[in-house]
């Protein structure tokens, strides 16, 4: 297994690695997904930093923040209906696992804060389609309290 640095995406990588739906023989990448099937990746997505005004009138980061990530995989794709349906079912199962973890409050560590929730915000769908492979993805939102 690859060693991940102490970072929020590294902790999220470890958390996803524990998902029983993921095939353990597939690579789990960070911000990279090969052109050929089959592997997984977690992508950082630009997220707004929320600010509030303190008693001195200064703009300071708000206590509650959100960050977004994409979980994706490259899968075999084509005219076979069963294969394409299986690809979407896989993401339904990943979403169900994320929701169970959220309900159980089983969250990854976070540098500089404590996670309050992890929820899917977009359902699984193919986003890059080729003749024999497609990138499928979901988006997740992490809400956390800053330390």
C-alpha atoms as a PDB file:
ATOM      1  CA  UNK A   1       0.000   0.000   0.000  1.00  0.00           C
ATOM      2  CA  UNK A   2       1.222   3.495  -0.810  1.00  0.00           C
ATOM      3  CA  UNK A   3       2.057   5.796   2.086  1.00  0.00           C
ATOM      4  CA  UNK A   4      -0.026   8.950   2.261  1.00  0.00           C
ATOM      5  CA  UNK A   5       1.231  12.195   3.760  1.00  0.00           C
ATOM      6  CA  UNK A   6      -0.553  13.758   6.732  1.00  0.00           C
ATOM      7  CA  UNK A   7      -3.004  15.860   4.783  1.00  0.00           C
ATOM      8  CA  UNK A   8      -6.747  16.074   4.466  1.00  0.00           C
ATOM      9  CA  UNK A   9      -6.754  14.330   1.101  1.00  0.00           C
ATOM     10  CA  UNK A  10      -4.392  11.694   2.542  1.00  0.00           C
ATOM     11  CA  UNK A  11      -6.765  11.033   5.427  1.00  0.00           C
ATOM     12  CA  UNK A  12      -9.698  10.929   3.000  1.00  0.00           C
ATOM     13  CA  UNK A  13      -7.704   8.461   0.857  1.00  0.00           C
ATOM     14  CA  UNK A  14      -7.265   6.166   3.885  1.00  0.00           C
ATOM     15  CA  UNK A  15     -10.966   6.478   4.737  1.00  0.00           C
ATOM     16  CA  UNK A  16     -12.050   5.521   1.209  1.00  0.00           C
ATOM     17  CA  UNK A  17      -9.571   2.634   1.206  1.00  0.00           C
ATOM     18  CA  UNK A  18     -11.685   1.094   4.025  1.00  0.00           C
ATOM     19  CA  UNK A  19     -14.827   1.114   1.842  1.00  0.00           C
ATOM     20  CA  UNK A  20     -15.773  -2.560   1.332  1.00  0.00           C
ATOM     21  CA  UNK A  21     -17.293  -1.774  -2.077  1.00  0.00           C
ATOM     22  CA  UNK A  22     -13.875  -0.867  -3.518  1.00  0.00           C
ATOM     23  CA  UNK A  23     -11.943  -3.745  -5.028  1.00  0.00           C
ATOM     24  CA  UNK A  24      -8.734  -3.991  -3.015  1.00  0.00           C
ATOM     25  CA  UNK A  25      -6.645  -5.016  -6.032  1.00  0.00           C
ATOM     26  CA  UNK A  26      -7.368  -1.707  -7.790  1.00  0.00           C
ATOM     27  CA  UNK A  27      -5.173   1.339  -7.279  1.00  0.00           C
ATOM     28  CA  UNK A  28      -6.637   4.317  -5.431  1.00  0.00           C
ATOM     29  CA  UNK A  29      -5.006   7.461  -6.811  1.00  0.00           C
ATOM     30  CA  UNK A  30      -5.039  11.125  -5.817  1.00  0.00           C
ATOM     31  CA  UNK A  31      -5.802  13.702  -8.541  1.00  0.00           C
ATOM     32  CA  UNK A  32      -4.922  11.206 -11.272  1.00  0.00           C
ATOM     33  CA  UNK A  33      -6.871   8.609 -13.215  1.00  0.00           C
ATOM     34  CA  UNK A  34      -5.313   6.497 -15.979  1.00  0.00           C
ATOM     35  CA  UNK A  35      -6.927   6.346 -19.413  1.00  0.00           C
ATOM     36  CA  UNK A  36      -7.492   2.594 -19.231  1.00  0.00           C
ATOM     37  CA  UNK A  37      -9.739   0.770 -16.742  1.00  0.00           C
ATOM     38  CA  UNK A  38      -9.723   0.090 -13.864  1.00  0.00           C
ATOM     39  CA  UNK A  39      -8.713   2.250 -10.925  1.00  0.00           C
ATOM     40  CA  UNK A  40     -10.126   4.811  -8.510  1.00  0.00           C
ATOM     41  CA  UNK A  41      -9.133   8.365  -7.662  1.00  0.00           C
ATOM     42  CA  UNK A  42      -9.983  11.184  -5.291  1.00  0.00           C
ATOM     43  CA  UNK A  43      -9.811  14.661  -6.811  1.00  0.00           C
ATOM     44  CA  UNK A  44      -9.626  17.951  -4.948  1.00  0.00           C
ATOM     45  CA  UNK A  45     -12.290  20.400  -6.119  1.00  0.00           C
ATOM     46  CA  UNK A  46     -12.079  24.173  -5.669  1.00  0.00           C
ATOM     47  CA  UNK A  47     -14.129  25.076  -2.602  1.00  0.00           C
ATOM     48  CA  UNK A  48     -15.044  28.497  -1.233  1.00  0.00           C
ATOM     49  CA  UNK A  49     -13.554  29.650   2.059  1.00  0.00           C
ATOM     50  CA  UNK A  50     -16.306  31.172   4.176  1.00  0.00           C
ATOM     51  CA  UNK A  51     -15.581  34.365   6.145  1.00  0.00           C
ATOM     52  CA  UNK A  52     -17.317  36.270   8.901  1.00  0.00           C
ATOM     53  CA  UNK A  53     -16.761  39.652  10.477  1.00  0.00           C
ATOM     54  CA  UNK A  54     -15.348  39.611  14.010  1.00  0.00           C
ATOM     55  CA  UNK A  55     -16.071  42.194  16.745  1.00  0.00           C
ATOM     56  CA  UNK A  56     -13.251  44.395  15.426  1.00  0.00           C
ATOM     57  CA  UNK A  57     -14.809  44.449  11.960  1.00  0.00           C
ATOM     58  CA  UNK A  58     -12.095  42.234  10.474  1.00  0.00           C
ATOM     59  CA  UNK A  59     -12.831  39.482   7.954  1.00  0.00           C
ATOM     60  CA  UNK A  60     -11.783  36.149   9.487  1.00  0.00           C
ATOM     61  CA  UNK A  61     -12.424  32.558   8.379  1.00  0.00           C
ATOM     62  CA  UNK A  62     -15.755  31.242   9.668  1.00  0.00           C
ATOM     63  CA  UNK A  63     -15.719  28.436  12.236  1.00  0.00           C
ATOM     64  CA  UNK A  64     -17.725  26.118   9.949  1.00  0.00           C
ATOM     65  CA  UNK A  65     -16.249  25.385   6.516  1.00  0.00           C
ATOM     66  CA  UNK A  66     -17.010  23.034   3.640  1.00  0.00           C
ATOM     67  CA  UNK A  67     -14.720  21.394   1.114  1.00  0.00           C
ATOM     68  CA  UNK A  68     -15.623  19.324  -1.921  1.00  0.00           C
ATOM     69  CA  UNK A  69     -13.975  16.289  -3.468  1.00  0.00           C
ATOM     70  CA  UNK A  70     -14.733  13.996  -6.369  1.00  0.00           C
ATOM     71  CA  UNK A  71     -14.447  10.240  -6.091  1.00  0.00           C
ATOM     72  CA  UNK A  72     -14.029   8.732  -9.562  1.00  0.00           C
ATOM     73  CA  UNK A  73     -13.202   5.509 -11.335  1.00  0.00           C
ATOM     74  CA  UNK A  74     -12.316   4.515 -14.870  1.00  0.00           C
ATOM     75  CA  UNK A  75     -14.501   1.590 -15.935  1.00  0.00           C
ATOM     76  CA  UNK A  76     -15.093  -0.577 -18.957  1.00  0.00           C
ATOM     77  CA  UNK A  77     -17.868   1.045 -21.000  1.00  0.00           C
ATOM     78  CA  UNK A  78     -19.712   0.368 -24.225  1.00  0.00           C
ATOM     79  CA  UNK A  79     -22.866  -1.050 -25.756  1.00  0.00           C
ATOM     80  CA  UNK A  80     -23.227  -3.741 -23.054  1.00  0.00           C
ATOM     81  CA  UNK A  81     -26.168  -2.610 -20.922  1.00  0.00           C
ATOM     82  CA  UNK A  82     -25.278  -4.926 -18.026  1.00  0.00           C
ATOM     83  CA  UNK A  83     -21.741  -3.514 -17.717  1.00  0.00           C
ATOM     84  CA  UNK A  84     -22.937   0.091 -17.773  1.00  0.00           C
ATOM     85  CA  UNK A  85     -25.639  -0.642 -15.194  1.00  0.00           C
ATOM     86  CA  UNK A  86     -23.067  -2.364 -12.971  1.00  0.00           C
ATOM     87  CA  UNK A  87     -20.898   0.754 -13.145  1.00  0.00           C
ATOM     88  CA  UNK A  88     -23.770   2.916 -11.909  1.00  0.00           C
ATOM     89  CA  UNK A  89     -24.740   0.348  -9.251  1.00  0.00           C
ATOM     90  CA  UNK A  90     -21.173   0.500  -7.926  1.00  0.00           C
ATOM     91  CA  UNK A  91     -21.570   4.238  -7.298  1.00  0.00           C
ATOM     92  CA  UNK A  92     -24.973   3.719  -5.674  1.00  0.00           C
ATOM     93  CA  UNK A  93     -23.235   1.314  -3.278  1.00  0.00           C
ATOM     94  CA  UNK A  94     -20.413   3.797  -2.586  1.00  0.00           C
ATOM     95  CA  UNK A  95     -23.000   6.498  -1.844  1.00  0.00           C
ATOM     96  CA  UNK A  96     -24.850   4.142   0.532  1.00  0.00           C
ATOM     97  CA  UNK A  97     -21.537   3.410   2.325  1.00  0.00           C
ATOM     98  CA  UNK A  98     -20.780   7.143   2.668  1.00  0.00           C
ATOM     99  CA  UNK A  99     -24.255   7.771   4.107  1.00  0.00           C
ATOM    100  CA  UNK A 100     -23.795   4.922   6.627  1.00  0.00           C
ATOM    101  CA  UNK A 101     -20.431   6.363   7.679  1.00  0.00           C
ATOM    102  CA  UNK A 102     -22.030   9.777   8.070  1.00  0.00           C
ATOM    103  CA  UNK A 103     -24.837   8.329  10.196  1.00  0.00           C
ATOM    104  CA  UNK A 104     -22.289   6.480  12.373  1.00  0.00           C
ATOM    105  CA  UNK A 105     -20.096   9.594  12.504  1.00  0.00           C
ATOM    106  CA  UNK A 106     -17.182   7.490  11.263  1.00  0.00           C
ATOM    107  CA  UNK A 107     -15.075  10.194   9.660  1.00  0.00           C
ATOM    108  CA  UNK A 108     -11.451  10.517   8.620  1.00  0.00           C
ATOM    109  CA  UNK A 109      -9.068  12.734  10.557  1.00  0.00           C
ATOM    110  CA  UNK A 110      -8.770  16.319   9.404  1.00  0.00           C
ATOM    111  CA  UNK A 111      -5.819  18.666   9.643  1.00  0.00           C
ATOM    112  CA  UNK A 112      -6.963  21.896  11.299  1.00  0.00           C
ATOM    113  CA  UNK A 113     -10.473  20.836  12.174  1.00  0.00           C
ATOM    114  CA  UNK A 114     -13.044  18.223  13.049  1.00  0.00           C
ATOM    115  CA  UNK A 115     -15.441  16.793  10.485  1.00  0.00           C
ATOM    116  CA  UNK A 116     -19.154  17.216  11.177  1.00  0.00           C
ATOM    117  CA  UNK A 117     -20.508  15.484   8.056  1.00  0.00           C
ATOM    118  CA  UNK A 118     -19.569  13.861   4.775  1.00  0.00           C
ATOM    119  CA  UNK A 119     -22.384  13.679   2.244  1.00  0.00           C
ATOM    120  CA  UNK A 120     -22.651  12.937  -1.464  1.00  0.00           C
ATOM    121  CA  UNK A 121     -23.828  15.983  -3.422  1.00  0.00           C
ATOM    122  CA  UNK A 122     -23.925  14.507  -6.937  1.00  0.00           C
ATOM    123  CA  UNK A 123     -25.013  11.013  -7.948  1.00  0.00           C
ATOM    124  CA  UNK A 124     -22.835   8.707 -10.007  1.00  0.00           C
ATOM    125  CA  UNK A 125     -22.602   9.443 -13.704  1.00  0.00           C
ATOM    126  CA  UNK A 126     -20.201   8.974 -16.607  1.00  0.00           C
ATOM    127  CA  UNK A 127     -18.314  12.215 -17.273  1.00  0.00           C
ATOM    128  CA  UNK A 128     -15.634  11.283 -19.816  1.00  0.00           C
ATOM    129  CA  UNK A 129     -16.785   8.692 -22.312  1.00  0.00           C
ATOM    130  CA  UNK A 130     -14.555   6.827 -24.742  1.00  0.00           C
ATOM    131  CA  UNK A 131     -15.287   3.931 -27.047  1.00  0.00           C
ATOM    132  CA  UNK A 132     -14.297   1.278 -24.479  1.00  0.00           C
ATOM    133  CA  UNK A 133     -13.871   3.113 -21.149  1.00  0.00           C
ATOM    134  CA  UNK A 134     -15.569   5.892 -19.207  1.00  0.00           C
ATOM    135  CA  UNK A 135     -14.771   7.968 -16.153  1.00  0.00           C
ATOM    136  CA  UNK A 136     -17.613   7.749 -13.629  1.00  0.00           C
ATOM    137  CA  UNK A 137     -17.755  10.017 -10.597  1.00  0.00           C
ATOM    138  CA  UNK A 138     -19.639  11.331  -7.603  1.00  0.00           C
ATOM    139  CA  UNK A 139     -19.051  14.523  -5.655  1.00  0.00           C
ATOM    140  CA  UNK A 140     -18.902  14.672  -1.878  1.00  0.00           C
ATOM    141  CA  UNK A 141     -19.049  17.605   0.526  1.00  0.00           C
ATOM    142  CA  UNK A 142     -17.227  17.619   3.840  1.00  0.00           C
ATOM    143  CA  UNK A 143     -18.463  20.056   6.465  1.00  0.00           C
ATOM    144  CA  UNK A 144     -16.058  20.684   9.340  1.00  0.00           C
ATOM    145  CA  UNK A 145     -15.411  22.926  12.337  1.00  0.00           C
ATOM    146  CA  UNK A 146     -12.057  24.667  12.303  1.00  0.00           C
ATOM    147  CA  UNK A 147      -9.791  24.194  15.321  1.00  0.00           C
END
